[in-house]
Amino acid sequence: MLKNDRAEWPIQTPSEPKRWYVIANPAAQRGAMGRSWPAIERIFHELELPFTVRFTEYRGHAMQLAAEAVLAGAEKMMAIGGDGTNHEVVHGLFTQQHRPPIQLTYALLPFGTGNDWARQYQLPFDPRARLQRLVQPETVVQDIGMVEYTLDGGTHRRYFVNVAGMAYDGFISWKLLKNPARNKTSYLLAVGRYLLEYVPSKARIVFNGRNVEDEFYTINVGLCRYSGGGMQLVPHAVPDDGLLALTFARKLPKLEVLLQSGRFYKGTLLEHPRIEGYQTGCVRVEAADGEPCLVEADGEFLGHTPVEFSIIPAALKLAL
């Protein structure tokens, strides 16, 4: 594994060129990111993009490194890795207490298996093409989601940048904790295999003054459109409209789920009569029969019901 080149971030001085504080996950894409780092480093130098890099060493480390970078004076921060690394860095930015996140500029060099958040903004997967765009980047502002959930008897909070899922999405995320998918193909095989084990969750969804109680195949709350390796479970999501996109699928025969899987990728999910989509400022999900409903955010398993989702409008400035 690559080691951090310094024990601490350098402290910026006013005369120092604005540099990218890079948080890189060498384990991304089964270690391909670490093997590619020397070539990526050369591109930084060729494009004259000043940078300092730290490498993650364990699950959750990127959250800590993000907070440390802000304390060190970071104004531009970049993650190199997949959706998990992206999630950790953004969560770290919103839990640190040193500076409002909107004052920073954030970029992702996608280097993962799904790269779903990168699809929303059509970010290049090629490192040279991606870094070339950061020489004079376009900037946009995105909303950020917040989910409060239950785990080990306590209430916890997590920020997310893409899509959160419950019911089957939470179940498969929990299953993949022990047996992570190695690539998109193995993920899709796991989705089909674990479907046979899944028992639809009976839950109550509260939003926009409504209470919907039923057995649900899936519940999704999103800011951006893509998740699960290119699926569009919230095809009506808009990342900067100040609203959460809510989708839920009532109980469906498992064969029907498989037959309708093409809709997940085509963006036509909401045309199915058992699937509904809404936009809302907040969502609460409760268990309706005593059995908890599981939740994940940006592909990371979190916990279970009761769960509340809310939104922070115009919260993160992105360099595209």
C-alpha atoms as a PDB file:
ATOM      1  CA  MET A   1       0.000   0.000   0.000  1.00  0.00           C
ATOM      2  CA  LEU A   2       1.150   3.515  -0.718  1.00  0.00           C
ATOM      3  CA  LYS A   3       2.147   5.515   2.328  1.00  0.00           C
ATOM      4  CA  ASN A   4       1.341   9.138   3.034  1.00  0.00           C
ATOM      5  CA  ASP A   5       4.200  11.323   1.874  1.00  0.00           C
ATOM      6  CA  ARG A   6       3.866  13.544   4.963  1.00  0.00           C
ATOM      7  CA  ALA A   7       2.583  13.041   8.473  1.00  0.00           C
ATOM      8  CA  GLU A   8       0.656  16.319   8.357  1.00  0.00           C
ATOM      9  CA  TRP A   9      -0.790  18.656   5.751  1.00  0.00           C
ATOM     10  CA  PRO A  10       1.401  21.724   5.116  1.00  0.00           C
ATOM     11  CA  ILE A  11      -0.065  24.966   6.429  1.00  0.00           C
ATOM     12  CA  GLN A  12      -0.854  27.371   3.594  1.00  0.00           C
ATOM     13  CA  THR A  13       0.574  30.883   3.632  1.00  0.00           C
ATOM     14  CA  PRO A  14      -1.019  33.804   1.757  1.00  0.00           C
ATOM     15  CA  SER A  15       1.793  33.799  -0.836  1.00  0.00           C
ATOM     16  CA  GLU A  16       1.583  30.079  -1.561  1.00  0.00           C
ATOM     17  CA  PRO A  17      -0.183  29.154  -4.835  1.00  0.00           C
ATOM     18  CA  LYS A  18      -3.638  27.711  -4.271  1.00  0.00           C
ATOM     19  CA  ARG A  19      -3.089  23.982  -4.256  1.00  0.00           C
ATOM     20  CA  TRP A  20      -5.290  20.925  -4.439  1.00  0.00           C
ATOM     21  CA  TYR A  21      -5.412  18.920  -1.232  1.00  0.00           C
ATOM     22  CA  VAL A  22      -5.768  15.425  -2.637  1.00  0.00           C
ATOM     23  CA  ILE A  23      -7.253  12.495  -0.692  1.00  0.00           C
ATOM     24  CA  ALA A  24      -6.550   9.332  -2.672  1.00  0.00           C
ATOM     25  CA  ASN A  25      -7.773   5.809  -2.027  1.00  0.00           C
ATOM     26  CA  PRO A  26      -5.047   3.410  -3.259  1.00  0.00           C
ATOM     27  CA  ALA A  27      -7.385   0.428  -2.789  1.00  0.00           C
ATOM     28  CA  ALA A  28      -9.958   1.820  -5.255  1.00  0.00           C
ATOM     29  CA  GLN A  29     -10.802  -0.415  -8.185  1.00  0.00           C
ATOM     30  CA  ARG A  30      -9.103  -3.380  -6.475  1.00  0.00           C
ATOM     31  CA  GLY A  31      -5.820  -1.525  -6.085  1.00  0.00           C
ATOM     32  CA  ALA A  32      -5.670  -0.066  -9.582  1.00  0.00           C
ATOM     33  CA  MET A  33      -5.675   3.470  -8.219  1.00  0.00           C
ATOM     34  CA  GLY A  34      -2.545   2.825  -6.151  1.00  0.00           C
ATOM     35  CA  ARG A  35      -0.768   1.247  -9.108  1.00  0.00           C
ATOM     36  CA  SER A  36      -1.746   4.218 -11.291  1.00  0.00           C
ATOM     37  CA  TRP A  37      -0.642   6.894  -8.854  1.00  0.00           C
ATOM     38  CA  PRO A  38       2.857   7.500 -10.349  1.00  0.00           C
ATOM     39  CA  ALA A  39       1.258   8.241 -13.729  1.00  0.00           C
ATOM     40  CA  ILE A  40      -1.401  10.475 -12.159  1.00  0.00           C
ATOM     41  CA  GLU A  41       1.266  12.332 -10.204  1.00  0.00           C
ATOM     42  CA  ARG A  42       3.156  13.059 -13.437  1.00  0.00           C
ATOM     43  CA  ILE A  43      -0.003  14.541 -14.959  1.00  0.00           C
ATOM     44  CA  PHE A  44      -0.388  16.914 -12.000  1.00  0.00           C
ATOM     45  CA  HIS A  45       3.142  18.167 -12.604  1.00  0.00           C
ATOM     46  CA  GLU A  46       2.769  18.393 -16.394  1.00  0.00           C
ATOM     47  CA  LEU A  47      -0.401  20.477 -16.029  1.00  0.00           C
ATOM     48  CA  GLU A  48       1.226  22.619 -13.317  1.00  0.00           C
ATOM     49  CA  LEU A  49      -1.510  21.852 -10.805  1.00  0.00           C
ATOM     50  CA  PRO A  50       0.006  22.372  -7.329  1.00  0.00           C
ATOM     51  CA  PHE A  51      -1.062  19.605  -4.947  1.00  0.00           C
ATOM     52  CA  THR A  52      -0.434  17.795  -1.692  1.00  0.00           C
ATOM     53  CA  VAL A  53      -1.581  14.194  -1.336  1.00  0.00           C
ATOM     54  CA  ARG A  54      -2.564  11.886   1.501  1.00  0.00           C
ATOM     55  CA  PHE A  55      -3.555   8.248   0.991  1.00  0.00           C
ATOM     56  CA  THR A  56      -6.367   6.554   2.875  1.00  0.00           C
ATOM     57  CA  GLU A  57      -5.361   3.543   4.934  1.00  0.00           C
ATOM     58  CA  TYR A  58      -8.662   2.177   6.237  1.00  0.00           C
ATOM     59  CA  ARG A  59     -12.431   2.497   5.956  1.00  0.00           C
ATOM     60  CA  GLY A  60     -13.547   5.947   7.138  1.00  0.00           C
ATOM     61  CA  HIS A  61     -10.041   7.445   6.960  1.00  0.00           C
ATOM     62  CA  ALA A  62     -11.036   9.904   4.213  1.00  0.00           C
ATOM     63  CA  MET A  63     -13.472  11.579   6.617  1.00  0.00           C
ATOM     64  CA  GLN A  64     -10.638  12.324   9.026  1.00  0.00           C
ATOM     65  CA  LEU A  65      -8.283  13.452   6.265  1.00  0.00           C
ATOM     66  CA  ALA A  66     -10.891  15.885   4.915  1.00  0.00           C
ATOM     67  CA  ALA A  67     -11.238  17.565   8.303  1.00  0.00           C
ATOM     68  CA  GLU A  68      -7.451  17.717   8.715  1.00  0.00           C
ATOM     69  CA  ALA A  69      -7.055  19.320   5.283  1.00  0.00           C
ATOM     70  CA  VAL A  70      -9.539  22.075   6.128  1.00  0.00           C
ATOM     71  CA  LEU A  71      -7.700  22.728   9.393  1.00  0.00           C
ATOM     72  CA  ALA A  72      -4.461  22.973   7.385  1.00  0.00           C
ATOM     73  CA  GLY A  73      -5.959  25.733   5.242  1.00  0.00           C
ATOM     74  CA  ALA A  74      -7.354  23.839   2.262  1.00  0.00           C
ATOM     75  CA  GLU A  75      -9.467  25.852  -0.137  1.00  0.00           C
ATOM     76  CA  LYS A  76      -9.497  23.270  -2.947  1.00  0.00           C
ATOM     77  CA  MET A  77      -9.968  19.608  -2.152  1.00  0.00           C
ATOM     78  CA  MET A  78      -9.960  16.599  -4.442  1.00  0.00           C
ATOM     79  CA  ALA A  79     -10.868  12.962  -3.877  1.00  0.00           C
ATOM     80  CA  ILE A  80      -9.425  10.202  -6.050  1.00  0.00           C
ATOM     81  CA  GLY A  81     -11.447   7.023  -5.781  1.00  0.00           C
ATOM     82  CA  GLY A  82     -14.940   5.654  -6.176  1.00  0.00           C
ATOM     83  CA  ASP A  83     -18.334   6.515  -4.757  1.00  0.00           C
ATOM     84  CA  GLY A  84     -17.311   5.349  -1.288  1.00  0.00           C
ATOM     85  CA  THR A  85     -14.321   7.691  -1.176  1.00  0.00           C
ATOM     86  CA  ASN A  86     -16.461  10.508  -2.548  1.00  0.00           C
ATOM     87  CA  HIS A  87     -19.026   9.873   0.189  1.00  0.00           C
ATOM     88  CA  GLU A  88     -16.433   9.838   2.973  1.00  0.00           C
ATOM     89  CA  VAL A  89     -14.744  13.069   1.897  1.00  0.00           C
ATOM     90  CA  VAL A  90     -18.039  14.948   1.593  1.00  0.00           C
ATOM     91  CA  HIS A  91     -19.199  13.649   4.974  1.00  0.00           C
ATOM     92  CA  GLY A  92     -15.868  14.765   6.444  1.00  0.00           C
ATOM     93  CA  LEU A  93     -16.323  18.252   5.010  1.00  0.00           C
ATOM     94  CA  PHE A  94     -19.733  18.605   6.619  1.00  0.00           C
ATOM     95  CA  THR A  95     -18.768  17.292  10.041  1.00  0.00           C
ATOM     96  CA  GLN A  96     -15.615  19.388  10.480  1.00  0.00           C
ATOM     97  CA  GLN A  97     -15.986  22.592  12.490  1.00  0.00           C
ATOM     98  CA  HIS A  98     -13.161  24.698  11.051  1.00  0.00           C
ATOM     99  CA  ARG A  99     -14.788  26.317   8.018  1.00  0.00           C
ATOM    100  CA  PRO A 100     -18.187  26.343   6.242  1.00  0.00           C
ATOM    101  CA  PRO A 101     -18.020  23.753   3.414  1.00  0.00           C
ATOM    102  CA  ILE A 102     -19.467  26.194   0.871  1.00  0.00           C
ATOM    103  CA  GLN A 103     -16.258  28.232   1.150  1.00  0.00           C
ATOM    104  CA  LEU A 104     -14.286  25.300  -0.297  1.00  0.00           C
ATOM    105  CA  THR A 105     -14.103  23.959  -3.841  1.00  0.00           C
ATOM    106  CA  TYR A 106     -14.437  20.196  -4.203  1.00  0.00           C
ATOM    107  CA  ALA A 107     -13.540  17.932  -7.120  1.00  0.00           C
ATOM    108  CA  LEU A 108     -13.586  14.184  -7.757  1.00  0.00           C
ATOM    109  CA  LEU A 109     -11.255  12.241 -10.004  1.00  0.00           C
ATOM    110  CA  PRO A 110     -13.435   9.127 -10.449  1.00  0.00           C
ATOM    111  CA  PHE A 111     -11.533   5.884  -9.967  1.00  0.00           C
ATOM    112  CA  GLY A 112     -14.056   3.352  -8.719  1.00  0.00           C
ATOM    113  CA  THR A 113     -16.335   0.523  -9.769  1.00  0.00           C
ATOM    114  CA  GLY A 114     -19.659   2.342 -10.120  1.00  0.00           C
ATOM    115  CA  ASN A 115     -18.646   6.009 -10.472  1.00  0.00           C
ATOM    116  CA  ASP A 116     -22.328   6.919 -10.225  1.00  0.00           C
ATOM    117  CA  TRP A 117     -21.974  10.451  -8.895  1.00  0.00           C
ATOM    118  CA  ALA A 118     -19.476  11.231 -11.673  1.00  0.00           C
ATOM    119  CA  ARG A 119     -22.110  10.183 -14.247  1.00  0.00           C
ATOM    120  CA  GLN A 120     -24.417  12.959 -13.105  1.00  0.00           C
ATOM    121  CA  TYR A 121     -21.828  15.559 -14.150  1.00  0.00           C
ATOM    122  CA  GLN A 122     -20.317  13.583 -17.043  1.00  0.00           C
ATOM    123  CA  LEU A 123     -16.877  13.711 -15.450  1.00  0.00           C
ATOM    124  CA  PRO A 124     -14.139  12.059 -17.529  1.00  0.00           C
ATOM    125  CA  PHE A 125     -12.902   8.751 -16.112  1.00  0.00           C
ATOM    126  CA  ASP A 126      -9.538   9.203 -17.831  1.00  0.00           C
ATOM    127  CA  PRO A 127      -7.166  10.914 -15.311  1.00  0.00           C
ATOM    128  CA  ARG A 128      -5.504  13.183 -17.867  1.00  0.00           C
ATOM    129  CA  ALA A 129      -8.821  14.362 -19.309  1.00  0.00           C
ATOM    130  CA  ARG A 130     -10.224  14.906 -15.817  1.00  0.00           C
ATOM    131  CA  LEU A 131      -7.250  16.882 -14.534  1.00  0.00           C
ATOM    132  CA  GLN A 132      -7.057  18.915 -17.738  1.00  0.00           C
ATOM    133  CA  ARG A 133     -10.566  20.209 -17.009  1.00  0.00           C
ATOM    134  CA  LEU A 134      -9.405  21.357 -13.584  1.00  0.00           C
ATOM    135  CA  VAL A 135      -6.848  23.768 -15.048  1.00  0.00           C
ATOM    136  CA  GLN A 136      -9.744  26.182 -15.665  1.00  0.00           C
ATOM    137  CA  PRO A 137     -12.764  24.412 -14.189  1.00  0.00           C
ATOM    138  CA  GLU A 138     -16.419  25.239 -14.424  1.00  0.00           C
ATOM    139  CA  THR A 139     -17.971  25.473 -10.966  1.00  0.00           C
ATOM    140  CA  VAL A 140     -21.517  24.650  -9.862  1.00  0.00           C
ATOM    141  CA  VAL A 141     -23.241  24.379  -6.498  1.00  0.00           C
ATOM    142  CA  GLN A 142     -25.038  21.230  -5.323  1.00  0.00           C
ATOM    143  CA  ASP A 143     -27.443  20.453  -2.490  1.00  0.00           C
ATOM    144  CA  ILE A 144     -26.383  17.949   0.178  1.00  0.00           C
ATOM    145  CA  GLY A 145     -28.572  15.390   1.924  1.00  0.00           C
ATOM    146  CA  MET A 146     -28.567  14.512   5.602  1.00  0.00           C
ATOM    147  CA  VAL A 147     -29.920  11.288   7.075  1.00  0.00           C
ATOM    148  CA  GLU A 148     -30.528  10.541  10.743  1.00  0.00           C
ATOM    149  CA  TYR A 149     -30.794   6.823  11.458  1.00  0.00           C
ATOM    150  CA  THR A 150     -30.689   4.289  14.270  1.00  0.00           C
ATOM    151  CA  LEU A 151     -27.826   1.923  15.093  1.00  0.00           C
ATOM    152  CA  ASP A 152     -26.955   0.067  18.314  1.00  0.00           C
ATOM    153  CA  GLY A 153     -29.755   1.832  20.143  1.00  0.00           C
ATOM    154  CA  GLY A 154     -28.555   5.338  19.319  1.00  0.00           C
ATOM    155  CA  THR A 155     -29.354   8.020  16.751  1.00  0.00           C
ATOM    156  CA  HIS A 156     -26.611   8.888  14.247  1.00  0.00           C
ATOM    157  CA  ARG A 157     -26.216  11.414  11.439  1.00  0.00           C
ATOM    158  CA  ARG A 158     -24.622  11.046   8.024  1.00  0.00           C
ATOM    159  CA  TYR A 159     -24.318  13.479   5.105  1.00  0.00           C
ATOM    160  CA  PHE A 160     -24.645  12.166   1.563  1.00  0.00           C
ATOM    161  CA  VAL A 161     -23.993  13.575  -1.871  1.00  0.00           C
ATOM    162  CA  ASN A 162     -25.852  11.209  -4.206  1.00  0.00           C
ATOM    163  CA  VAL A 163     -28.574   8.657  -3.361  1.00  0.00           C
ATOM    164  CA  ALA A 164     -29.717   6.919  -0.176  1.00  0.00           C
ATOM    165  CA  GLY A 165     -31.715   3.708  -0.259  1.00  0.00           C
ATOM    166  CA  MET A 166     -33.891   1.647   2.054  1.00  0.00           C
ATOM    167  CA  ALA A 167     -35.673  -1.704   2.036  1.00  0.00           C
ATOM    168  CA  TYR A 168     -33.925  -3.893  -0.563  1.00  0.00           C
ATOM    169  CA  ASP A 169     -31.208  -1.285  -1.176  1.00  0.00           C
ATOM    170  CA  GLY A 170     -30.365  -1.251   2.528  1.00  0.00           C
ATOM    171  CA  PHE A 171     -30.526  -5.050   2.673  1.00  0.00           C
ATOM    172  CA  ILE A 172     -28.073  -5.600  -0.179  1.00  0.00           C
ATOM    173  CA  SER A 173     -25.705  -2.941   1.187  1.00  0.00           C
ATOM    174  CA  TRP A 174     -25.703  -4.822   4.500  1.00  0.00           C
ATOM    175  CA  LYS A 175     -25.025  -8.102   2.682  1.00  0.00           C
ATOM    176  CA  LEU A 176     -22.137  -6.596   0.718  1.00  0.00           C
ATOM    177  CA  LEU A 177     -20.386  -5.502   3.908  1.00  0.00           C
ATOM    178  CA  LYS A 178     -19.053  -9.057   4.287  1.00  0.00           C
ATOM    179  CA  ASN A 179     -18.734  -9.884   0.589  1.00  0.00           C
ATOM    180  CA  PRO A 180     -17.992  -6.671  -1.366  1.00  0.00           C
ATOM    181  CA  ALA A 181     -18.631  -6.654  -5.101  1.00  0.00           C
ATOM    182  CA  ARG A 182     -15.379  -6.721  -7.072  1.00  0.00           C
ATOM    183  CA  ASN A 183     -16.809  -5.082 -10.192  1.00  0.00           C
ATOM    184  CA  LYS A 184     -20.074  -4.088 -11.831  1.00  0.00           C
ATOM    185  CA  THR A 185     -20.777  -7.633 -13.022  1.00  0.00           C
ATOM    186  CA  SER A 186     -20.352  -9.163  -9.574  1.00  0.00           C
ATOM    187  CA  TYR A 187     -22.559  -6.410  -8.124  1.00  0.00           C
ATOM    188  CA  LEU A 188     -25.374  -7.207 -10.560  1.00  0.00           C
ATOM    189  CA  LEU A 189     -25.052 -10.919  -9.791  1.00  0.00           C
ATOM    190  CA  ALA A 190     -25.307 -10.120  -6.070  1.00  0.00           C
ATOM    191  CA  VAL A 191     -28.420  -7.990  -6.694  1.00  0.00           C
ATOM    192  CA  GLY A 192     -30.105 -10.979  -8.345  1.00  0.00           C
ATOM    193  CA  ARG A 193     -28.872 -13.550  -5.823  1.00  0.00           C
ATOM    194  CA  TYR A 194     -29.867 -11.636  -2.696  1.00  0.00           C
ATOM    195  CA  LEU A 195     -33.251 -10.819  -4.183  1.00  0.00           C
ATOM    196  CA  LEU A 196     -34.235 -14.440  -3.509  1.00  0.00           C
ATOM    197  CA  GLU A 197     -33.531 -13.953   0.210  1.00  0.00           C
ATOM    198  CA  TYR A 198     -35.190 -10.573   0.604  1.00  0.00           C
ATOM    199  CA  VAL A 199     -38.530 -10.201   2.388  1.00  0.00           C
ATOM    200  CA  PRO A 200     -40.210  -6.855   1.516  1.00  0.00           C
ATOM    201  CA  SER A 201     -40.165  -4.404   4.410  1.00  0.00           C
ATOM    202  CA  LYS A 202     -43.424  -3.141   5.844  1.00  0.00           C
ATOM    203  CA  ALA A 203     -42.863   0.539   6.528  1.00  0.00           C
ATOM    204  CA  ARG A 204     -44.523   3.924   6.831  1.00  0.00           C
ATOM    205  CA  ILE A 205     -43.259   6.815   4.697  1.00  0.00           C
ATOM    206  CA  VAL A 206     -44.140  10.333   5.842  1.00  0.00           C
ATOM    207  CA  PHE A 207     -43.627  13.218   3.383  1.00  0.00           C
ATOM    208  CA  ASN A 208     -45.458  16.289   2.076  1.00  0.00           C
ATOM    209  CA  GLY A 209     -48.208  15.822   4.672  1.00  0.00           C
ATOM    210  CA  ARG A 210     -48.866  12.252   3.529  1.00  0.00           C
ATOM    211  CA  ASN A 211     -48.519   8.873   5.262  1.00  0.00           C
ATOM    212  CA  VAL A 212     -47.977   5.889   2.973  1.00  0.00           C
ATOM    213  CA  GLU A 213     -47.908   2.503   4.687  1.00  0.00           C
ATOM    214  CA  ASP A 214     -47.256  -0.677   2.713  1.00  0.00           C
ATOM    215  CA  GLU A 215     -44.765  -3.443   2.028  1.00  0.00           C
ATOM    216  CA  PHE A 216     -41.975  -1.917  -0.033  1.00  0.00           C
ATOM    217  CA  TYR A 217     -39.492  -3.468  -2.399  1.00  0.00           C
ATOM    218  CA  THR A 218     -37.358  -0.335  -2.336  1.00  0.00           C
ATOM    219  CA  ILE A 219     -37.352   3.261  -1.089  1.00  0.00           C
ATOM    220  CA  ASN A 220     -34.889   5.771  -2.525  1.00  0.00           C
ATOM    221  CA  VAL A 221     -34.103   9.382  -1.622  1.00  0.00           C
ATOM    222  CA  GLY A 222     -31.735  11.178  -3.950  1.00  0.00           C
ATOM    223  CA  LEU A 223     -30.033  14.379  -5.004  1.00  0.00           C
ATOM    224  CA  CYS A 224     -28.572  12.994  -8.238  1.00  0.00           C
ATOM    225  CA  ARG A 225     -29.927  10.439 -10.693  1.00  0.00           C
ATOM    226  CA  TYR A 226     -27.507   7.504 -10.795  1.00  0.00           C
ATOM    227  CA  SER A 227     -26.687   4.748  -8.305  1.00  0.00           C
ATOM    228  CA  GLY A 228     -25.964   1.019  -8.285  1.00  0.00           C
ATOM    229  CA  GLY A 229     -23.667   1.134 -11.318  1.00  0.00           C
ATOM    230  CA  GLY A 230     -25.760   3.303 -13.638  1.00  0.00           C
ATOM    231  CA  MET A 231     -29.294   2.625 -12.383  1.00  0.00           C
ATOM    232  CA  GLN A 232     -31.724   5.534 -12.281  1.00  0.00           C
ATOM    233  CA  LEU A 233     -33.770   4.838  -9.168  1.00  0.00           C
ATOM    234  CA  VAL A 234     -34.566   8.559  -8.756  1.00  0.00           C
ATOM    235  CA  PRO A 235     -34.756   9.660 -12.415  1.00  0.00           C
ATOM    236  CA  HIS A 236     -36.478  12.919 -11.402  1.00  0.00           C
ATOM    237  CA  ALA A 237     -33.626  14.050  -9.120  1.00  0.00           C
ATOM    238  CA  VAL A 238     -32.157  17.515  -9.702  1.00  0.00           C
ATOM    239  CA  PRO A 239     -28.957  18.209  -7.720  1.00  0.00           C
ATOM    240  CA  ASP A 240     -29.542  21.928  -7.167  1.00  0.00           C
ATOM    241  CA  ASP A 241     -33.314  22.404  -6.837  1.00  0.00           C
ATOM    242  CA  GLY A 242     -33.422  22.394  -3.023  1.00  0.00           C
ATOM    243  CA  LEU A 243     -35.567  19.234  -2.956  1.00  0.00           C
ATOM    244  CA  LEU A 244     -35.076  15.534  -2.362  1.00  0.00           C
ATOM    245  CA  ALA A 245     -36.306  13.130  -5.024  1.00  0.00           C
ATOM    246  CA  LEU A 246     -38.312  10.303  -3.425  1.00  0.00           C
ATOM    247  CA  THR A 247     -39.097   7.016  -5.148  1.00  0.00           C
ATOM    248  CA  PHE A 248     -40.779   3.988  -3.645  1.00  0.00           C
ATOM    249  CA  ALA A 249     -41.805   0.665  -5.120  1.00  0.00           C
ATOM    250  CA  ARG A 250     -44.587  -1.200  -3.404  1.00  0.00           C
ATOM    251  CA  LYS A 251     -44.397  -4.988  -3.037  1.00  0.00           C
ATOM    252  CA  LEU A 252     -43.741  -6.670  -6.378  1.00  0.00           C
ATOM    253  CA  PRO A 253     -43.353 -10.330  -7.345  1.00  0.00           C
ATOM    254  CA  LYS A 254     -39.637 -11.099  -7.575  1.00  0.00           C
ATOM    255  CA  LEU A 255     -40.008 -12.241 -11.165  1.00  0.00           C
ATOM    256  CA  GLU A 256     -41.627  -8.899 -11.965  1.00  0.00           C
ATOM    257  CA  VAL A 257     -38.635  -7.087 -10.457  1.00  0.00           C
ATOM    258  CA  LEU A 258     -36.280  -9.004 -12.747  1.00  0.00           C
ATOM    259  CA  LEU A 259     -38.477  -8.454 -15.802  1.00  0.00           C
ATOM    260  CA  GLN A 260     -38.603  -4.709 -15.144  1.00  0.00           C
ATOM    261  CA  SER A 261     -34.857  -4.327 -14.509  1.00  0.00           C
ATOM    262  CA  GLY A 262     -34.374  -2.554 -17.844  1.00  0.00           C
ATOM    263  CA  ARG A 263     -36.360   0.385 -16.486  1.00  0.00           C
ATOM    264  CA  PHE A 264     -33.686   0.919 -13.825  1.00  0.00           C
ATOM    265  CA  TYR A 265     -31.212   1.964 -16.512  1.00  0.00           C
ATOM    266  CA  LYS A 266     -33.527   3.682 -18.995  1.00  0.00           C
ATOM    267  CA  GLY A 267     -34.932   6.214 -16.542  1.00  0.00           C
ATOM    268  CA  THR A 268     -38.502   4.944 -17.060  1.00  0.00           C
ATOM    269  CA  LEU A 269     -38.983   3.487 -13.571  1.00  0.00           C
ATOM    270  CA  LEU A 270     -41.803   5.875 -12.669  1.00  0.00           C
ATOM    271  CA  GLU A 271     -43.918   4.633 -15.576  1.00  0.00           C
ATOM    272  CA  HIS A 272     -44.571   1.386 -13.675  1.00  0.00           C
ATOM    273  CA  PRO A 273     -47.952   1.450 -11.869  1.00  0.00           C
ATOM    274  CA  ARG A 274     -46.496   0.140  -8.571  1.00  0.00           C
ATOM    275  CA  ILE A 275     -43.690   2.719  -8.437  1.00  0.00           C
ATOM    276  CA  GLU A 276     -44.209   6.344  -7.407  1.00  0.00           C
ATOM    277  CA  GLY A 277     -41.948   9.387  -7.441  1.00  0.00           C
ATOM    278  CA  TYR A 278     -42.201  12.707  -5.609  1.00  0.00           C
ATOM    279  CA  GLN A 279     -40.099  15.718  -4.636  1.00  0.00           C
ATOM    280  CA  THR A 280     -40.015  16.857  -1.044  1.00  0.00           C
ATOM    281  CA  GLY A 281     -37.979  18.752   1.518  1.00  0.00           C
ATOM    282  CA  CYS A 282     -37.902  15.952   4.086  1.00  0.00           C
ATOM    283  CA  VAL A 283     -38.860  12.297   4.474  1.00  0.00           C
ATOM    284  CA  ARG A 284     -39.393  10.116   7.532  1.00  0.00           C
ATOM    285  CA  VAL A 285     -39.487   6.314   7.330  1.00  0.00           C
ATOM    286  CA  GLU A 286     -40.698   4.175  10.214  1.00  0.00           C
ATOM    287  CA  ALA A 287     -41.058   0.426  10.662  1.00  0.00           C
ATOM    288  CA  ALA A 288     -44.731  -0.554  10.492  1.00  0.00           C
ATOM    289  CA  ASP A 289     -44.594  -4.062  11.955  1.00  0.00           C
ATOM    290  CA  GLY A 290     -41.704  -3.962  14.423  1.00  0.00           C
ATOM    291  CA  GLU A 291     -39.120  -5.248  11.947  1.00  0.00           C
ATOM    292  CA  PRO A 292     -36.555  -2.521  11.145  1.00  0.00           C
ATOM    293  CA  CYS A 293     -36.075  -1.304   7.590  1.00  0.00           C
ATOM    294  CA  LEU A 294     -32.382  -0.975   6.669  1.00  0.00           C
ATOM    295  CA  VAL A 295     -30.782   2.153   5.192  1.00  0.00           C
ATOM    296  CA  GLU A 296     -27.666   2.959   3.156  1.00  0.00           C
ATOM    297  CA  ALA A 297     -26.326   6.229   1.737  1.00  0.00           C
ATOM    298  CA  ASP A 298     -24.101   6.509  -1.337  1.00  0.00           C
ATOM    299  CA  GLY A 299     -23.740   2.713  -1.162  1.00  0.00           C
ATOM    300  CA  GLU A 300     -22.523   2.698   2.466  1.00  0.00           C
ATOM    301  CA  PHE A 301     -24.586   0.686   4.948  1.00  0.00           C
ATOM    302  CA  LEU A 302     -25.653   2.824   7.932  1.00  0.00           C
ATOM    303  CA  GLY A 303     -28.342   1.270  10.119  1.00  0.00           C
ATOM    304  CA  HIS A 304     -32.135   1.096  10.297  1.00  0.00           C
ATOM    305  CA  THR A 305     -35.431   2.820  11.071  1.00  0.00           C
ATOM    306  CA  PRO A 306     -36.570   5.209  12.323  1.00  0.00           C
ATOM    307  CA  VAL A 307     -34.873   7.263   9.610  1.00  0.00           C
ATOM    308  CA  GLU A 308     -35.246  10.937   8.671  1.00  0.00           C
ATOM    309  CA  PHE A 309     -33.939  12.585   5.509  1.00  0.00           C
ATOM    310  CA  SER A 310     -33.484  16.323   5.044  1.00  0.00           C
ATOM    311  CA  ILE A 311     -31.662  18.616   2.636  1.00  0.00           C
ATOM    312  CA  ILE A 312     -29.107  21.426   2.861  1.00  0.00           C
ATOM    313  CA  PRO A 313     -29.645  23.599  -0.239  1.00  0.00           C
ATOM    314  CA  ALA A 314     -26.696  25.012  -2.234  1.00  0.00           C
ATOM    315  CA  ALA A 315     -24.221  23.532   0.246  1.00  0.00           C
ATOM    316  CA  LEU A 316     -21.205  22.370  -1.792  1.00  0.00           C
ATOM    317  CA  LYS A 317     -19.249  24.105  -4.584  1.00  0.00           C
ATOM    318  CA  LEU A 318     -18.013  21.653  -7.197  1.00  0.00           C
ATOM    319  CA  ALA A 319     -15.239  22.010  -9.761  1.00  0.00           C
ATOM    320  CA  LEU A 320     -16.263  20.194 -12.919  1.00  0.00           C
END
